[in-house]
Amino acid sequence: MLCDQIAIRKKMSKDGGTEVTLCVDETLGSLAERALYSRSHVVQRHLQARQEQFPRMRTFIYGHTHQYEKPWPASLNYGIAVSVVNTGAFQRLINEAGFLRRLAGRTPQEGLRTMTSDELPACYTAVVVPSDATGWAAPELIAWHMEEDGVGAITDVEGSICQ
């Protein structure tokens, strides 16, 4: 987008014309894309393209980003809303406040280098899509808490046991 805008301005400043040679590479690197577009914009653009292939899509679940996201609506073509949810990663994750509480006298920098997974709560995020009479229900982000020698249970991802 930036390249195209530069090309437009150069062409217009030279002769006042409107014909413009667009940039060859229409994609941005992830850093530039993150700075110029919101995540919701990127996801909506992706889902609008997928909507043509899967017109009945109402839920989109993705993961392995190391940061979970609770369900949020993405508005697509024809007024259709898709529920988007991110599982994060199926490994022990905590938020910043939980990390800071577990430093045990270490600086945050030292904690990042030395903290082991055993020092984090045994919580793992996942998405559950319950079934209802229509065959579809809203997705739900949950956490599975289970100590090595304990019995597992579903809990709230933002509850105190997982933070």
Protein backbone atom coordinates (compact mmCIF):
# COMPACT_ATOMS: atom_id res chain seq x y z
CA MET A 1 0.00 0.00 0.00
CA LEU A 2 2.80 2.42 0.86
CA CYS A 3 4.63 1.58 -2.35
CA ASP A 4 1.46 2.22 -4.37
CA GLN A 5 0.87 5.55 -2.65
CA ILE A 6 4.45 6.66 -3.35
CA ALA A 7 4.08 5.66 -7.00
CA ILE A 8 0.79 7.60 -7.27
CA ARG A 9 2.30 10.75 -5.77
CA LYS A 10 5.45 10.58 -7.93
CA LYS A 11 3.39 10.18 -11.11
CA MET A 12 0.99 12.97 -10.17
CA SER A 13 3.77 15.35 -9.20
CA LYS A 14 5.57 14.80 -12.55
CA ASP A 15 2.77 15.47 -15.00
CA GLY A 16 -0.48 15.71 -13.09
CA GLY A 17 -1.67 12.49 -14.76
CA THR A 18 -3.47 9.66 -13.07
CA GLU A 19 -1.89 6.62 -14.75
CA VAL A 20 0.23 4.82 -12.18
CA THR A 21 2.46 1.76 -12.27
CA LEU A 22 1.60 -0.24 -9.18
CA CYS A 23 4.18 -2.07 -7.12
CA VAL A 24 4.96 -5.64 -8.10
CA ASP A 25 4.79 -7.17 -4.61
CA GLU A 26 1.33 -6.55 -3.18
CA THR A 27 2.07 -8.17 0.19
CA LEU A 28 3.71 -6.63 3.19
CA GLY A 29 6.06 -8.23 5.64
CA SER A 30 4.49 -9.15 8.97
CA LEU A 31 6.02 -6.17 10.79
CA ALA A 32 4.75 -3.67 8.24
CA GLU A 33 1.36 -5.36 8.09
CA ARG A 34 1.03 -5.28 11.88
CA ALA A 35 1.87 -1.55 11.90
CA LEU A 36 -0.54 -0.65 9.09
CA TYR A 37 -3.48 -2.99 9.60
CA SER A 38 -5.33 -4.15 12.67
CA ARG A 39 -5.56 -7.88 13.32
CA SER A 40 -9.32 -7.69 12.79
CA HIS A 41 -8.77 -6.14 9.35
CA VAL A 42 -6.33 -8.90 8.34
CA VAL A 43 -8.60 -11.67 9.65
CA GLN A 44 -11.70 -10.17 8.01
CA ARG A 45 -9.91 -9.88 4.66
CA HIS A 46 -8.77 -13.51 4.93
CA LEU A 47 -12.23 -14.74 5.89
CA GLN A 48 -13.94 -12.79 3.10
CA ALA A 49 -11.75 -14.68 0.62
CA ARG A 50 -12.55 -18.00 2.35
CA GLN A 51 -16.26 -17.16 2.41
CA GLU A 52 -16.54 -17.76 -1.33
CA GLN A 53 -15.29 -21.32 -0.88
CA PHE A 54 -17.15 -21.94 2.40
CA PRO A 55 -20.34 -19.81 2.33
CA ARG A 56 -21.83 -21.52 5.41
CA MET A 57 -18.80 -20.72 7.60
CA ARG A 58 -19.89 -19.18 10.91
CA THR A 59 -16.90 -20.06 13.14
CA PHE A 60 -13.18 -19.63 12.52
CA ILE A 61 -10.73 -21.09 15.03
CA TYR A 62 -7.00 -20.65 14.78
CA GLY A 63 -4.07 -21.12 17.12
CA HIS A 64 -0.36 -21.53 17.71
CA THR A 65 0.17 -17.81 18.20
CA HIS A 66 1.10 -18.06 21.89
CA GLN A 67 -1.66 -15.66 22.83
CA TYR A 68 -5.27 -16.70 23.18
CA GLU A 69 -8.18 -14.48 22.15
CA LYS A 70 -11.72 -14.78 23.37
CA PRO A 71 -14.37 -15.07 20.62
CA TRP A 72 -15.10 -11.86 18.68
CA PRO A 73 -17.33 -11.22 15.64
CA ALA A 74 -15.89 -10.56 12.19
CA SER A 75 -18.32 -8.91 9.76
CA LEU A 76 -18.03 -10.36 6.27
CA ASN A 77 -19.76 -9.93 2.92
CA TYR A 78 -23.56 -9.99 2.73
CA GLY A 79 -23.90 -9.02 6.40
CA ILE A 80 -22.66 -12.38 7.65
CA ALA A 81 -20.83 -12.46 10.97
CA VAL A 82 -18.28 -15.15 11.77
CA SER A 83 -17.18 -15.87 15.33
CA VAL A 84 -13.36 -15.77 15.47
CA VAL A 85 -11.43 -17.33 18.34
CA ASN A 86 -7.76 -18.10 18.90
CA THR A 87 -6.69 -21.05 21.04
CA GLY A 88 -3.24 -19.64 21.69
CA ALA A 89 -0.99 -22.66 22.01
CA PHE A 90 -1.59 -25.87 23.91
CA GLN A 91 1.17 -25.20 26.39
CA ARG A 92 1.42 -23.39 29.70
CA LEU A 93 0.68 -19.70 29.19
CA ILE A 94 0.17 -16.85 31.63
CA ASN A 95 -0.48 -13.16 31.32
CA GLU A 96 2.00 -10.46 32.31
CA ALA A 97 0.61 -10.03 35.83
CA GLY A 98 0.91 -13.78 36.48
CA PHE A 99 4.47 -13.77 35.16
CA LEU A 100 5.46 -10.86 37.42
CA ARG A 101 3.97 -12.61 40.49
CA ARG A 102 6.14 -15.68 39.82
CA LEU A 103 9.50 -13.91 39.53
CA ALA A 104 10.53 -14.82 43.11
CA GLY A 105 13.00 -11.93 43.41
CA ARG A 106 14.27 -12.13 39.82
CA THR A 107 14.12 -9.24 37.39
CA PRO A 108 11.70 -9.72 34.49
CA GLN A 109 14.68 -10.15 32.14
CA GLU A 110 16.19 -12.81 34.39
CA GLY A 111 12.79 -14.50 34.76
CA LEU A 112 12.46 -14.78 30.96
CA ARG A 113 15.85 -16.50 30.82
CA THR A 114 15.50 -18.78 33.84
CA MET A 115 11.83 -19.51 34.53
CA THR A 116 10.89 -23.11 33.75
CA SER A 117 7.50 -24.42 32.64
CA ASP A 118 7.14 -26.10 36.06
CA GLU A 119 6.90 -22.61 37.58
CA LEU A 120 3.87 -21.80 35.43
CA PRO A 121 0.33 -22.96 36.25
CA ALA A 122 -0.63 -26.26 34.62
CA CYS A 123 -3.28 -24.63 32.42
CA TYR A 124 -3.75 -25.21 28.71
CA THR A 125 -6.10 -23.19 26.50
CA ALA A 126 -8.50 -24.78 24.03
CA VAL A 127 -11.69 -23.95 22.13
CA VAL A 128 -14.88 -25.94 22.62
CA VAL A 129 -17.72 -25.66 20.12
CA PRO A 130 -20.84 -27.11 21.74
CA SER A 131 -23.54 -28.60 19.57
CA ASP A 132 -27.12 -27.46 19.76
CA ALA A 133 -30.31 -28.42 17.90
CA THR A 134 -29.19 -26.50 14.80
CA GLY A 135 -25.77 -28.20 14.79
CA TRP A 136 -23.99 -24.95 15.67
CA ALA A 137 -23.35 -23.02 18.82
CA ALA A 138 -20.98 -20.21 19.73
CA PRO A 139 -17.38 -21.27 20.38
CA GLU A 140 -16.07 -21.01 23.91
CA LEU A 141 -12.46 -20.45 24.99
CA ILE A 142 -11.64 -22.61 28.00
CA ALA A 143 -8.61 -23.63 30.02
CA TRP A 144 -7.82 -27.16 31.06
CA HIS A 145 -6.08 -27.23 34.45
CA MET A 146 -4.29 -30.39 35.49
CA GLU A 147 -1.34 -30.84 37.79
CA GLU A 148 1.04 -33.72 36.99
CA ASP A 149 -0.43 -35.97 39.67
CA GLY A 150 -3.94 -34.55 39.82
CA VAL A 151 -7.31 -34.77 38.18
CA GLY A 152 -7.99 -32.30 35.37
CA ALA A 153 -10.84 -29.83 35.19
CA ILE A 154 -12.11 -27.15 32.84
CA THR A 155 -11.68 -23.64 34.22
CA ASP A 156 -11.83 -20.00 33.16
CA VAL A 157 -8.79 -18.88 31.10
CA GLU A 158 -8.59 -15.67 33.11
CA GLY A 159 -9.37 -17.22 36.48
CA SER A 160 -6.87 -16.99 39.33
CA ILE A 161 -5.87 -20.66 39.05
CA CYS A 162 -4.41 -20.07 35.57
CA GLN A 163 -2.76 -16.72 36.25
